[in-house]
Amino acid sequence: MTKDFNHYFVNKEHKKEDFFTFSADFGGKRYVIHSCSDVFSKNSLDYGSLVLVKTVINEGFLDGDTLDMCCGYGTIGMLLADATGVCVDMCDINSTAVALAKENVKTNRVNVCEIFESDMFQGVEKNYQHIVSNPPIKTGKKLLLDFANGAYAHLNNGGTLTVVIKKNLGADSFKKYLTELFGNCEVLERDKGYYILHSKK
């Protein structure tokens, strides 16, 4: 594993100067984002994650308990909870990311149900109506397929999985796998090479 992927997995001690904040606007609201030197998209809200959030909001299908898997410092889950009012849980393998997500929802006064640490679905104890994610694509195909299988296992019948993936990082092959796994996969949006894939169990 290269150091480029450390933000997905490595839990380490941080100095006070490693932490900082930035501001970001979404949906007519300004958010204060607590971040850290070694988390994903540390200086700004990730574009692909924002495409995912906007698409899910525009499609209007969130109607039950939702899980933001691989939440990082909380972009997807926080914005979806704030915009829709649904019960959103958030989880990540990285303890720093989980702590930042908790701080971000508190600072921005967003109601989420639970934020917890989990190695993919190992710490997930219930099923959901919806799972949304910007999964760690660059960590390899096996992990991505394990993610898809875990999502399928933790969805209610009729539940949905919605993910963002770049076309040049395997969107077509992942769409094919989701189609085989779920029996369906729809491309809800294409934006600057980002694909929003959506499957229903």
N, C-alpha and C. Protein backbone atom coordinates (compact mmCIF):
# COMPACT_ATOMS: atom_id res chain seq x y z
N MET A 1 0.85 -1.19 0.00
CA MET A 1 0.00 0.00 0.00
C MET A 1 0.88 1.25 0.00
N THR A 2 0.63 2.17 -0.87
CA THR A 2 1.42 3.38 -0.92
C THR A 2 0.90 4.40 0.07
N LYS A 3 1.77 5.37 0.37
CA LYS A 3 1.38 6.38 1.35
C LYS A 3 0.20 7.22 0.86
N ASP A 4 -0.06 7.22 -0.46
CA ASP A 4 -1.17 8.00 -1.00
C ASP A 4 -2.51 7.54 -0.45
N PHE A 5 -2.57 6.31 0.04
CA PHE A 5 -3.83 5.76 0.51
C PHE A 5 -3.92 5.71 2.03
N ASN A 6 -2.93 6.31 2.72
CA ASN A 6 -2.92 6.22 4.17
C ASN A 6 -4.18 6.79 4.80
N HIS A 7 -4.77 7.82 4.17
CA HIS A 7 -5.94 8.45 4.77
C HIS A 7 -7.11 7.49 4.87
N TYR A 8 -7.09 6.41 4.10
CA TYR A 8 -8.18 5.44 4.20
C TYR A 8 -8.06 4.56 5.43
N PHE A 9 -6.84 4.30 5.88
CA PHE A 9 -6.65 3.24 6.86
C PHE A 9 -5.88 3.62 8.12
N VAL A 10 -4.91 4.52 8.00
CA VAL A 10 -3.95 4.70 9.08
C VAL A 10 -4.50 5.58 10.19
N ASN A 11 -4.50 5.02 11.40
CA ASN A 11 -4.84 5.79 12.58
C ASN A 11 -3.54 6.18 13.28
N LYS A 12 -3.33 7.47 13.48
CA LYS A 12 -2.09 7.89 14.11
C LYS A 12 -2.34 9.09 15.00
N GLU A 13 -1.35 9.35 15.85
CA GLU A 13 -1.42 10.52 16.71
C GLU A 13 -1.18 11.78 15.89
N HIS A 14 -1.90 12.82 16.21
CA HIS A 14 -1.75 14.08 15.49
C HIS A 14 -1.37 15.20 16.45
N LYS A 15 -0.65 16.16 15.91
CA LYS A 15 -0.35 17.37 16.66
C LYS A 15 -1.46 18.39 16.42
N LYS A 16 -1.55 19.34 17.30
CA LYS A 16 -2.59 20.36 17.20
C LYS A 16 -2.54 21.08 15.86
N GLU A 17 -1.33 21.31 15.35
CA GLU A 17 -1.19 22.05 14.09
C GLU A 17 -1.61 21.23 12.86
N ASP A 18 -1.87 19.93 13.04
CA ASP A 18 -2.34 19.11 11.93
C ASP A 18 -3.80 19.38 11.59
N PHE A 19 -4.52 20.01 12.52
CA PHE A 19 -5.95 20.24 12.34
C PHE A 19 -6.23 21.68 11.93
N PHE A 20 -7.26 21.86 11.12
CA PHE A 20 -7.61 23.19 10.64
C PHE A 20 -9.06 23.18 10.18
N THR A 21 -9.58 24.33 9.83
CA THR A 21 -10.95 24.42 9.31
C THR A 21 -10.95 25.16 7.98
N PHE A 22 -11.99 24.89 7.19
CA PHE A 22 -12.26 25.69 5.99
C PHE A 22 -13.77 25.83 5.85
N SER A 23 -14.18 26.76 5.03
CA SER A 23 -15.62 26.98 4.82
C SER A 23 -16.03 26.51 3.43
N ALA A 24 -17.26 26.04 3.33
CA ALA A 24 -17.79 25.58 2.04
C ALA A 24 -19.28 25.87 1.99
N ASP A 25 -19.75 26.25 0.82
CA ASP A 25 -21.18 26.55 0.63
C ASP A 25 -21.87 25.41 -0.10
N PHE A 26 -23.06 25.07 0.38
CA PHE A 26 -23.86 24.04 -0.29
C PHE A 26 -25.33 24.28 0.04
N GLY A 27 -26.17 24.28 -0.98
CA GLY A 27 -27.60 24.41 -0.78
C GLY A 27 -28.01 25.69 -0.08
N GLY A 28 -27.26 26.76 -0.32
CA GLY A 28 -27.60 28.03 0.29
C GLY A 28 -27.13 28.18 1.72
N LYS A 29 -26.34 27.24 2.22
CA LYS A 29 -25.84 27.30 3.59
C LYS A 29 -24.32 27.24 3.58
N ARG A 30 -23.69 27.98 4.47
CA ARG A 30 -22.24 27.92 4.62
C ARG A 30 -21.90 26.96 5.75
N TYR A 31 -21.04 26.00 5.45
CA TYR A 31 -20.60 25.00 6.41
C TYR A 31 -19.16 25.28 6.83
N VAL A 32 -18.90 25.09 8.11
CA VAL A 32 -17.53 25.13 8.62
C VAL A 32 -17.05 23.69 8.74
N ILE A 33 -15.97 23.38 8.04
CA ILE A 33 -15.49 22.00 7.98
C ILE A 33 -14.20 21.85 8.76
N HIS A 34 -14.22 20.98 9.75
CA HIS A 34 -13.01 20.62 10.49
C HIS A 34 -12.28 19.53 9.71
N SER A 35 -10.99 19.74 9.47
CA SER A 35 -10.22 18.81 8.65
C SER A 35 -8.87 18.54 9.31
N CYS A 36 -8.07 17.73 8.61
CA CYS A 36 -6.78 17.32 9.15
C CYS A 36 -5.82 17.08 7.99
N SER A 37 -4.55 17.10 8.27
CA SER A 37 -3.52 17.05 7.23
C SER A 37 -3.51 15.76 6.41
N ASP A 38 -4.08 14.67 6.94
CA ASP A 38 -3.97 13.41 6.20
C ASP A 38 -5.31 12.71 5.98
N VAL A 39 -6.39 13.49 5.82
CA VAL A 39 -7.67 12.89 5.46
C VAL A 39 -7.97 13.19 3.99
N PHE A 40 -8.90 12.43 3.43
CA PHE A 40 -9.27 12.58 2.02
C PHE A 40 -9.88 13.95 1.76
N SER A 41 -9.45 14.58 0.67
CA SER A 41 -9.97 15.88 0.25
C SER A 41 -9.89 16.89 1.39
N LYS A 42 -8.70 17.05 1.93
CA LYS A 42 -8.52 17.77 3.19
C LYS A 42 -8.82 19.26 3.10
N ASN A 43 -8.64 19.87 1.91
CA ASN A 43 -8.75 21.32 1.80
C ASN A 43 -10.06 21.83 1.22
N SER A 44 -10.88 20.94 0.69
CA SER A 44 -12.15 21.36 0.07
C SER A 44 -13.07 20.16 -0.05
N LEU A 45 -14.36 20.41 -0.14
CA LEU A 45 -15.31 19.31 -0.31
C LEU A 45 -15.05 18.65 -1.65
N ASP A 46 -14.95 17.33 -1.65
CA ASP A 46 -14.64 16.56 -2.85
C ASP A 46 -15.74 16.72 -3.91
N TYR A 47 -15.33 17.00 -5.15
CA TYR A 47 -16.30 17.26 -6.22
C TYR A 47 -17.19 16.04 -6.48
N GLY A 48 -16.59 14.87 -6.53
CA GLY A 48 -17.39 13.67 -6.77
C GLY A 48 -18.43 13.44 -5.69
N SER A 49 -18.05 13.68 -4.44
CA SER A 49 -19.00 13.54 -3.33
C SER A 49 -20.15 14.53 -3.47
N LEU A 50 -19.85 15.74 -3.92
CA LEU A 50 -20.90 16.73 -4.10
C LEU A 50 -21.84 16.36 -5.24
N VAL A 51 -21.28 15.79 -6.32
CA VAL A 51 -22.13 15.31 -7.41
C VAL A 51 -23.07 14.22 -6.89
N LEU A 52 -22.54 13.33 -6.05
CA LEU A 52 -23.36 12.27 -5.48
C LEU A 52 -24.48 12.86 -4.63
N VAL A 53 -24.15 13.77 -3.74
CA VAL A 53 -25.15 14.37 -2.86
C VAL A 53 -26.23 15.09 -3.66
N LYS A 54 -25.82 15.92 -4.61
CA LYS A 54 -26.79 16.65 -5.43
C LYS A 54 -27.72 15.71 -6.18
N THR A 55 -27.15 14.63 -6.72
CA THR A 55 -27.96 13.68 -7.48
C THR A 55 -28.98 12.99 -6.59
N VAL A 56 -28.54 12.54 -5.42
CA VAL A 56 -29.45 11.86 -4.49
C VAL A 56 -30.57 12.80 -4.06
N ILE A 57 -30.24 14.04 -3.77
CA ILE A 57 -31.26 15.02 -3.37
C ILE A 57 -32.24 15.25 -4.52
N ASN A 58 -31.71 15.44 -5.72
CA ASN A 58 -32.58 15.71 -6.88
C ASN A 58 -33.49 14.53 -7.21
N GLU A 59 -32.97 13.31 -7.04
CA GLU A 59 -33.78 12.12 -7.33
C GLU A 59 -34.88 11.91 -6.30
N GLY A 60 -34.65 12.35 -5.07
CA GLY A 60 -35.68 12.36 -4.05
C GLY A 60 -36.13 11.01 -3.53
N PHE A 61 -35.22 10.01 -3.56
CA PHE A 61 -35.66 8.66 -3.16
C PHE A 61 -35.34 8.30 -1.71
N LEU A 62 -34.61 9.14 -0.98
CA LEU A 62 -34.30 8.81 0.41
C LEU A 62 -35.56 8.85 1.25
N ASP A 63 -35.94 7.70 1.80
CA ASP A 63 -37.19 7.61 2.55
C ASP A 63 -37.07 6.71 3.78
N GLY A 64 -35.85 6.46 4.22
CA GLY A 64 -35.65 5.60 5.38
C GLY A 64 -34.20 5.65 5.84
N ASP A 65 -33.88 4.81 6.82
CA ASP A 65 -32.55 4.81 7.40
C ASP A 65 -31.47 4.68 6.33
N THR A 66 -30.48 5.57 6.40
CA THR A 66 -29.45 5.68 5.37
C THR A 66 -28.07 5.57 6.01
N LEU A 67 -27.17 4.89 5.34
CA LEU A 67 -25.79 4.76 5.81
C LEU A 67 -24.84 5.42 4.82
N ASP A 68 -23.98 6.30 5.33
CA ASP A 68 -22.87 6.85 4.56
C ASP A 68 -21.64 6.02 4.91
N MET A 69 -21.31 5.07 4.05
CA MET A 69 -20.16 4.19 4.27
C MET A 69 -18.90 4.87 3.75
N CYS A 70 -17.80 4.76 4.50
CA CYS A 70 -16.53 5.44 4.18
C CYS A 70 -16.75 6.95 4.20
N CYS A 71 -17.26 7.44 5.33
CA CYS A 71 -17.77 8.81 5.40
C CYS A 71 -16.69 9.87 5.41
N GLY A 72 -15.42 9.52 5.71
CA GLY A 72 -14.41 10.55 5.84
C GLY A 72 -14.80 11.54 6.92
N TYR A 73 -14.56 12.83 6.68
CA TYR A 73 -14.93 13.81 7.70
C TYR A 73 -16.40 14.22 7.61
N GLY A 74 -17.16 13.52 6.77
CA GLY A 74 -18.62 13.61 6.89
C GLY A 74 -19.39 14.33 5.81
N THR A 75 -18.75 14.63 4.68
CA THR A 75 -19.41 15.44 3.65
C THR A 75 -20.77 14.88 3.24
N ILE A 76 -20.80 13.63 2.78
CA ILE A 76 -22.01 13.06 2.18
C ILE A 76 -23.13 12.93 3.21
N GLY A 77 -22.83 12.27 4.32
CA GLY A 77 -23.86 12.04 5.33
C GLY A 77 -24.40 13.32 5.92
N MET A 78 -23.51 14.28 6.21
CA MET A 78 -23.94 15.53 6.80
C MET A 78 -24.83 16.32 5.86
N LEU A 79 -24.42 16.45 4.60
CA LEU A 79 -25.22 17.24 3.65
C LEU A 79 -26.55 16.57 3.35
N LEU A 80 -26.56 15.24 3.24
CA LEU A 80 -27.82 14.54 2.97
C LEU A 80 -28.78 14.66 4.16
N ALA A 81 -28.25 14.50 5.37
CA ALA A 81 -29.10 14.61 6.56
C ALA A 81 -29.68 16.01 6.67
N ASP A 82 -28.85 17.01 6.39
CA ASP A 82 -29.30 18.39 6.50
C ASP A 82 -30.35 18.73 5.45
N ALA A 83 -30.20 18.16 4.26
CA ALA A 83 -31.12 18.50 3.17
C ALA A 83 -32.42 17.72 3.20
N THR A 84 -32.39 16.49 3.72
CA THR A 84 -33.55 15.61 3.62
C THR A 84 -34.24 15.32 4.94
N GLY A 85 -33.51 15.42 6.04
CA GLY A 85 -34.10 15.12 7.34
C GLY A 85 -34.20 13.65 7.65
N VAL A 86 -33.70 12.77 6.78
CA VAL A 86 -33.75 11.33 7.06
C VAL A 86 -32.71 10.97 8.11
N CYS A 87 -32.90 9.81 8.74
CA CYS A 87 -31.95 9.30 9.72
C CYS A 87 -30.72 8.78 8.98
N VAL A 88 -29.57 9.41 9.18
CA VAL A 88 -28.33 9.01 8.51
C VAL A 88 -27.32 8.55 9.54
N ASP A 89 -26.78 7.35 9.36
CA ASP A 89 -25.62 6.87 10.10
C ASP A 89 -24.39 7.06 9.22
N MET A 90 -23.24 7.25 9.85
CA MET A 90 -22.00 7.46 9.11
C MET A 90 -20.91 6.60 9.75
N CYS A 91 -20.06 5.99 8.92
CA CYS A 91 -18.97 5.21 9.49
C CYS A 91 -17.74 5.25 8.59
N ASP A 92 -16.59 5.02 9.21
CA ASP A 92 -15.31 5.02 8.50
C ASP A 92 -14.33 4.18 9.30
N ILE A 93 -13.32 3.64 8.63
CA ILE A 93 -12.30 2.84 9.29
C ILE A 93 -11.33 3.72 10.07
N ASN A 94 -11.20 4.98 9.68
CA ASN A 94 -10.20 5.88 10.23
C ASN A 94 -10.77 6.64 11.43
N SER A 95 -10.17 6.47 12.59
CA SER A 95 -10.70 7.08 13.81
C SER A 95 -10.63 8.61 13.76
N THR A 96 -9.61 9.15 13.10
CA THR A 96 -9.51 10.61 12.96
C THR A 96 -10.67 11.14 12.13
N ALA A 97 -10.98 10.45 11.03
CA ALA A 97 -12.09 10.86 10.18
C ALA A 97 -13.41 10.81 10.96
N VAL A 98 -13.61 9.76 11.75
CA VAL A 98 -14.83 9.64 12.54
C VAL A 98 -14.94 10.79 13.54
N ALA A 99 -13.83 11.12 14.20
CA ALA A 99 -13.85 12.23 15.16
C ALA A 99 -14.16 13.55 14.46
N LEU A 100 -13.60 13.76 13.28
CA LEU A 100 -13.87 14.98 12.53
C LEU A 100 -15.33 15.04 12.08
N ALA A 101 -15.88 13.90 11.64
CA ALA A 101 -17.29 13.87 11.23
C ALA A 101 -18.20 14.25 12.39
N LYS A 102 -17.89 13.74 13.57
CA LYS A 102 -18.69 14.08 14.75
C LYS A 102 -18.60 15.58 15.04
N GLU A 103 -17.40 16.13 14.91
CA GLU A 103 -17.21 17.55 15.16
C GLU A 103 -17.93 18.39 14.11
N ASN A 104 -17.91 17.94 12.86
CA ASN A 104 -18.54 18.71 11.78
C ASN A 104 -20.05 18.77 11.92
N VAL A 105 -20.68 17.65 12.25
CA VAL A 105 -22.14 17.70 12.39
C VAL A 105 -22.54 18.54 13.60
N LYS A 106 -21.71 18.51 14.64
CA LYS A 106 -22.01 19.33 15.82
C LYS A 106 -21.85 20.81 15.51
N THR A 107 -20.74 21.17 14.88
CA THR A 107 -20.47 22.57 14.56
C THR A 107 -21.55 23.15 13.66
N ASN A 108 -21.99 22.35 12.68
CA ASN A 108 -22.96 22.82 11.70
C ASN A 108 -24.41 22.53 12.08
N ARG A 109 -24.60 22.01 13.28
CA ARG A 109 -25.93 21.77 13.84
C ARG A 109 -26.79 20.92 12.92
N VAL A 110 -26.20 19.80 12.51
CA VAL A 110 -26.89 18.84 11.65
C VAL A 110 -27.24 17.61 12.49
N ASN A 111 -28.48 17.17 12.39
CA ASN A 111 -28.92 15.98 13.13
C ASN A 111 -28.63 14.72 12.34
N VAL A 112 -27.72 13.89 12.84
CA VAL A 112 -27.50 12.56 12.29
C VAL A 112 -27.76 11.55 13.41
N CYS A 113 -27.97 10.31 13.03
CA CYS A 113 -28.32 9.31 14.04
C CYS A 113 -27.11 8.76 14.78
N GLU A 114 -26.11 8.30 14.04
CA GLU A 114 -24.95 7.70 14.68
C GLU A 114 -23.73 7.82 13.78
N ILE A 115 -22.57 8.06 14.38
CA ILE A 115 -21.30 8.08 13.66
C ILE A 115 -20.36 7.13 14.39
N PHE A 116 -19.83 6.15 13.67
CA PHE A 116 -19.04 5.13 14.36
C PHE A 116 -17.91 4.62 13.48
N GLU A 117 -16.96 3.97 14.13
CA GLU A 117 -15.79 3.42 13.43
C GLU A 117 -16.10 2.00 12.98
N SER A 118 -15.75 1.69 11.72
CA SER A 118 -15.99 0.35 11.20
C SER A 118 -15.08 0.08 10.02
N ASP A 119 -14.49 -1.11 10.00
CA ASP A 119 -13.71 -1.58 8.86
C ASP A 119 -14.70 -2.10 7.83
N MET A 120 -15.03 -1.25 6.85
CA MET A 120 -16.12 -1.54 5.92
C MET A 120 -17.34 -1.95 6.73
N PHE A 121 -17.93 -3.11 6.47
CA PHE A 121 -19.18 -3.47 7.11
C PHE A 121 -19.01 -4.34 8.36
N GLN A 122 -17.77 -4.52 8.81
CA GLN A 122 -17.54 -5.41 9.97
C GLN A 122 -18.22 -4.91 11.23
N GLY A 123 -18.30 -3.58 11.39
CA GLY A 123 -18.92 -3.02 12.59
C GLY A 123 -20.35 -2.57 12.39
N VAL A 124 -20.94 -2.88 11.23
CA VAL A 124 -22.31 -2.48 10.93
C VAL A 124 -23.26 -3.56 11.42
N GLU A 125 -24.15 -3.21 12.32
CA GLU A 125 -24.97 -4.21 13.00
C GLU A 125 -26.42 -4.28 12.52
N LYS A 126 -26.80 -3.40 11.60
CA LYS A 126 -28.19 -3.42 11.16
C LYS A 126 -28.26 -3.24 9.65
N ASN A 127 -29.44 -3.42 9.10
CA ASN A 127 -29.67 -3.19 7.68
C ASN A 127 -30.25 -1.79 7.47
N TYR A 128 -30.11 -1.32 6.24
CA TYR A 128 -30.53 0.03 5.89
C TYR A 128 -31.43 0.01 4.66
N GLN A 129 -32.19 1.09 4.51
CA GLN A 129 -32.99 1.27 3.31
C GLN A 129 -32.15 1.83 2.18
N HIS A 130 -31.14 2.61 2.55
CA HIS A 130 -30.27 3.21 1.54
C HIS A 130 -28.82 3.23 2.04
N ILE A 131 -27.89 2.96 1.15
CA ILE A 131 -26.47 3.13 1.41
C ILE A 131 -25.91 4.04 0.33
N VAL A 132 -25.20 5.08 0.74
CA VAL A 132 -24.56 5.99 -0.20
C VAL A 132 -23.08 6.03 0.13
N SER A 133 -22.24 6.19 -0.90
CA SER A 133 -20.81 6.13 -0.61
C SER A 133 -19.97 6.68 -1.76
N ASN A 134 -18.85 7.25 -1.38
CA ASN A 134 -17.74 7.51 -2.28
C ASN A 134 -16.66 6.54 -1.85
N PRO A 135 -16.69 5.31 -2.37
CA PRO A 135 -15.81 4.25 -1.85
C PRO A 135 -14.36 4.46 -2.24
N PRO A 136 -13.44 3.82 -1.52
CA PRO A 136 -12.00 3.98 -1.78
C PRO A 136 -11.55 3.21 -3.02
N ILE A 137 -11.85 3.75 -4.18
CA ILE A 137 -11.61 3.08 -5.46
C ILE A 137 -10.15 2.68 -5.64
N LYS A 138 -9.25 3.59 -5.32
CA LYS A 138 -7.84 3.38 -5.65
C LYS A 138 -7.16 2.32 -4.81
N THR A 139 -7.86 1.81 -3.80
CA THR A 139 -7.25 0.77 -2.97
C THR A 139 -7.31 -0.60 -3.60
N GLY A 140 -7.99 -0.73 -4.73
CA GLY A 140 -7.97 -2.00 -5.45
C GLY A 140 -9.34 -2.59 -5.68
N LYS A 141 -9.40 -3.44 -6.70
CA LYS A 141 -10.68 -4.01 -7.13
C LYS A 141 -11.28 -4.93 -6.08
N LYS A 142 -10.44 -5.72 -5.40
CA LYS A 142 -10.98 -6.66 -4.41
C LYS A 142 -11.75 -5.94 -3.32
N LEU A 143 -11.16 -4.86 -2.81
CA LEU A 143 -11.83 -4.11 -1.75
C LEU A 143 -13.13 -3.51 -2.24
N LEU A 144 -13.14 -3.05 -3.48
CA LEU A 144 -14.34 -2.46 -4.06
C LEU A 144 -15.45 -3.50 -4.18
N LEU A 145 -15.10 -4.70 -4.62
CA LEU A 145 -16.10 -5.76 -4.75
C LEU A 145 -16.58 -6.22 -3.37
N ASP A 146 -15.66 -6.26 -2.39
CA ASP A 146 -16.06 -6.58 -1.02
C ASP A 146 -17.04 -5.54 -0.50
N PHE A 147 -16.79 -4.28 -0.83
CA PHE A 147 -17.70 -3.21 -0.44
C PHE A 147 -19.10 -3.45 -1.03
N ALA A 148 -19.16 -3.78 -2.32
CA ALA A 148 -20.45 -4.01 -2.98
C ALA A 148 -21.19 -5.18 -2.33
N ASN A 149 -20.47 -6.25 -2.05
CA ASN A 149 -21.09 -7.42 -1.43
C ASN A 149 -21.60 -7.09 -0.03
N GLY A 150 -20.81 -6.33 0.72
CA GLY A 150 -21.23 -5.93 2.06
C GLY A 150 -22.46 -5.04 2.02
N ALA A 151 -22.49 -4.14 1.05
CA ALA A 151 -23.65 -3.27 0.91
C ALA A 151 -24.90 -4.08 0.61
N TYR A 152 -24.79 -5.01 -0.30
CA TYR A 152 -25.94 -5.84 -0.66
C TYR A 152 -26.47 -6.58 0.58
N ALA A 153 -25.55 -7.10 1.38
CA ALA A 153 -25.94 -7.87 2.57
C ALA A 153 -26.60 -7.01 3.64
N HIS A 154 -26.29 -5.70 3.64
CA HIS A 154 -26.82 -4.82 4.68
C HIS A 154 -27.92 -3.89 4.19
N LEU A 155 -28.53 -4.24 3.07
CA LEU A 155 -29.69 -3.50 2.58
C LEU A 155 -30.97 -4.28 2.81
N ASN A 156 -32.03 -3.58 3.17
CA ASN A 156 -33.36 -4.20 3.19
C ASN A 156 -33.76 -4.58 1.77
N ASN A 157 -34.68 -5.50 1.66
CA ASN A 157 -35.26 -5.77 0.35
C ASN A 157 -35.95 -4.49 -0.15
N GLY A 158 -35.63 -4.10 -1.37
CA GLY A 158 -36.13 -2.85 -1.90
C GLY A 158 -35.22 -1.67 -1.62
N GLY A 159 -34.16 -1.91 -0.86
CA GLY A 159 -33.22 -0.85 -0.53
C GLY A 159 -32.29 -0.55 -1.69
N THR A 160 -31.57 0.59 -1.60
CA THR A 160 -30.75 1.03 -2.71
C THR A 160 -29.31 1.30 -2.29
N LEU A 161 -28.42 1.09 -3.24
CA LEU A 161 -27.02 1.48 -3.11
C LEU A 161 -26.72 2.53 -4.17
N THR A 162 -26.16 3.66 -3.76
CA THR A 162 -25.81 4.73 -4.69
C THR A 162 -24.37 5.15 -4.43
N VAL A 163 -23.54 5.10 -5.46
CA VAL A 163 -22.11 5.39 -5.30
C VAL A 163 -21.65 6.33 -6.40
N VAL A 164 -20.52 7.00 -6.13
CA VAL A 164 -19.85 7.80 -7.15
C VAL A 164 -18.53 7.13 -7.49
N ILE A 165 -18.23 7.05 -8.78
CA ILE A 165 -16.98 6.46 -9.24
C ILE A 165 -16.59 7.12 -10.56
N LYS A 166 -15.32 7.39 -10.70
CA LYS A 166 -14.85 8.02 -11.94
C LYS A 166 -14.80 7.01 -13.07
N LYS A 167 -15.13 7.45 -14.26
CA LYS A 167 -15.15 6.56 -15.41
C LYS A 167 -13.78 5.93 -15.64
N ASN A 168 -12.71 6.73 -15.49
CA ASN A 168 -11.37 6.20 -15.76
C ASN A 168 -10.82 5.35 -14.63
N LEU A 169 -11.59 5.20 -13.56
CA LEU A 169 -11.17 4.33 -12.45
C LEU A 169 -12.06 3.09 -12.35
N GLY A 170 -12.78 2.78 -13.43
CA GLY A 170 -13.50 1.51 -13.46
C GLY A 170 -14.99 1.59 -13.34
N ALA A 171 -15.59 2.71 -13.71
CA ALA A 171 -17.05 2.85 -13.58
C ALA A 171 -17.78 1.78 -14.39
N ASP A 172 -17.32 1.50 -15.59
CA ASP A 172 -18.02 0.54 -16.45
C ASP A 172 -17.96 -0.88 -15.87
N SER A 173 -16.79 -1.28 -15.40
CA SER A 173 -16.66 -2.63 -14.85
C SER A 173 -17.42 -2.76 -13.53
N PHE A 174 -17.43 -1.69 -12.72
CA PHE A 174 -18.17 -1.76 -11.47
C PHE A 174 -19.67 -1.77 -11.73
N LYS A 175 -20.11 -1.04 -12.74
CA LYS A 175 -21.52 -1.07 -13.13
C LYS A 175 -21.92 -2.48 -13.54
N LYS A 176 -21.04 -3.15 -14.26
CA LYS A 176 -21.32 -4.53 -14.68
C LYS A 176 -21.43 -5.44 -13.46
N TYR A 177 -20.54 -5.26 -12.48
CA TYR A 177 -20.59 -6.11 -11.29
C TYR A 177 -21.86 -5.85 -10.49
N LEU A 178 -22.22 -4.58 -10.33
CA LEU A 178 -23.45 -4.27 -9.60
C LEU A 178 -24.68 -4.83 -10.30
N THR A 179 -24.66 -4.82 -11.63
CA THR A 179 -25.77 -5.39 -12.38
C THR A 179 -25.88 -6.88 -12.12
N GLU A 180 -24.75 -7.56 -12.05
CA GLU A 180 -24.76 -9.00 -11.76
C GLU A 180 -25.21 -9.26 -10.33
N LEU A 181 -24.76 -8.43 -9.39
CA LEU A 181 -25.06 -8.63 -7.97
C LEU A 181 -26.51 -8.30 -7.63
N PHE A 182 -26.98 -7.15 -8.11
CA PHE A 182 -28.32 -6.67 -7.76
C PHE A 182 -29.38 -7.04 -8.80
N GLY A 183 -28.91 -7.35 -10.02
CA GLY A 183 -29.84 -7.57 -11.11
C GLY A 183 -30.19 -6.30 -11.85
N ASN A 184 -29.58 -5.18 -11.42
CA ASN A 184 -29.85 -3.89 -12.06
C ASN A 184 -28.78 -2.89 -11.65
N CYS A 185 -28.53 -1.91 -12.49
CA CYS A 185 -27.68 -0.77 -12.14
C CYS A 185 -27.93 0.34 -13.14
N GLU A 186 -28.29 1.49 -12.64
CA GLU A 186 -28.63 2.64 -13.46
C GLU A 186 -27.59 3.75 -13.26
N VAL A 187 -27.24 4.43 -14.33
CA VAL A 187 -26.39 5.62 -14.22
C VAL A 187 -27.31 6.83 -14.04
N LEU A 188 -27.32 7.38 -12.83
CA LEU A 188 -28.21 8.51 -12.55
C LEU A 188 -27.65 9.82 -13.05
N GLU A 189 -26.32 9.94 -13.12
CA GLU A 189 -25.71 11.21 -13.50
C GLU A 189 -24.30 10.97 -14.02
N ARG A 190 -23.90 11.81 -14.95
CA ARG A 190 -22.51 11.86 -15.42
C ARG A 190 -22.07 13.32 -15.34
N ASP A 191 -20.93 13.56 -14.70
CA ASP A 191 -20.47 14.94 -14.53
C ASP A 191 -18.95 14.94 -14.43
N LYS A 192 -18.30 15.50 -15.46
CA LYS A 192 -16.84 15.64 -15.49
C LYS A 192 -16.13 14.32 -15.20
N GLY A 193 -16.64 13.24 -15.77
CA GLY A 193 -16.02 11.94 -15.60
C GLY A 193 -16.48 11.17 -14.39
N TYR A 194 -17.28 11.79 -13.52
CA TYR A 194 -17.85 11.10 -12.37
C TYR A 194 -19.19 10.48 -12.75
N TYR A 195 -19.36 9.20 -12.43
CA TYR A 195 -20.60 8.49 -12.67
C TYR A 195 -21.30 8.22 -11.33
N ILE A 196 -22.59 8.45 -11.28
CA ILE A 196 -23.38 8.09 -10.11
C ILE A 196 -24.14 6.81 -10.45
N LEU A 197 -23.76 5.71 -9.82
CA LEU A 197 -24.36 4.41 -10.07
C LEU A 197 -25.38 4.10 -8.98
N HIS A 198 -26.50 3.49 -9.38
CA HIS A 198 -27.62 3.28 -8.47
C HIS A 198 -28.22 1.90 -8.71
N SER A 199 -28.23 1.07 -7.67
CA SER A 199 -28.81 -0.27 -7.77
C SER A 199 -29.84 -0.47 -6.66
N LYS A 200 -30.85 -1.28 -6.98
CA LYS A 200 -31.92 -1.56 -6.03
C LYS A 200 -31.98 -3.05 -5.75
N LYS A 201 -32.06 -3.40 -4.47
CA LYS A 201 -32.10 -4.81 -4.06
C LYS A 201 -33.52 -5.35 -4.16
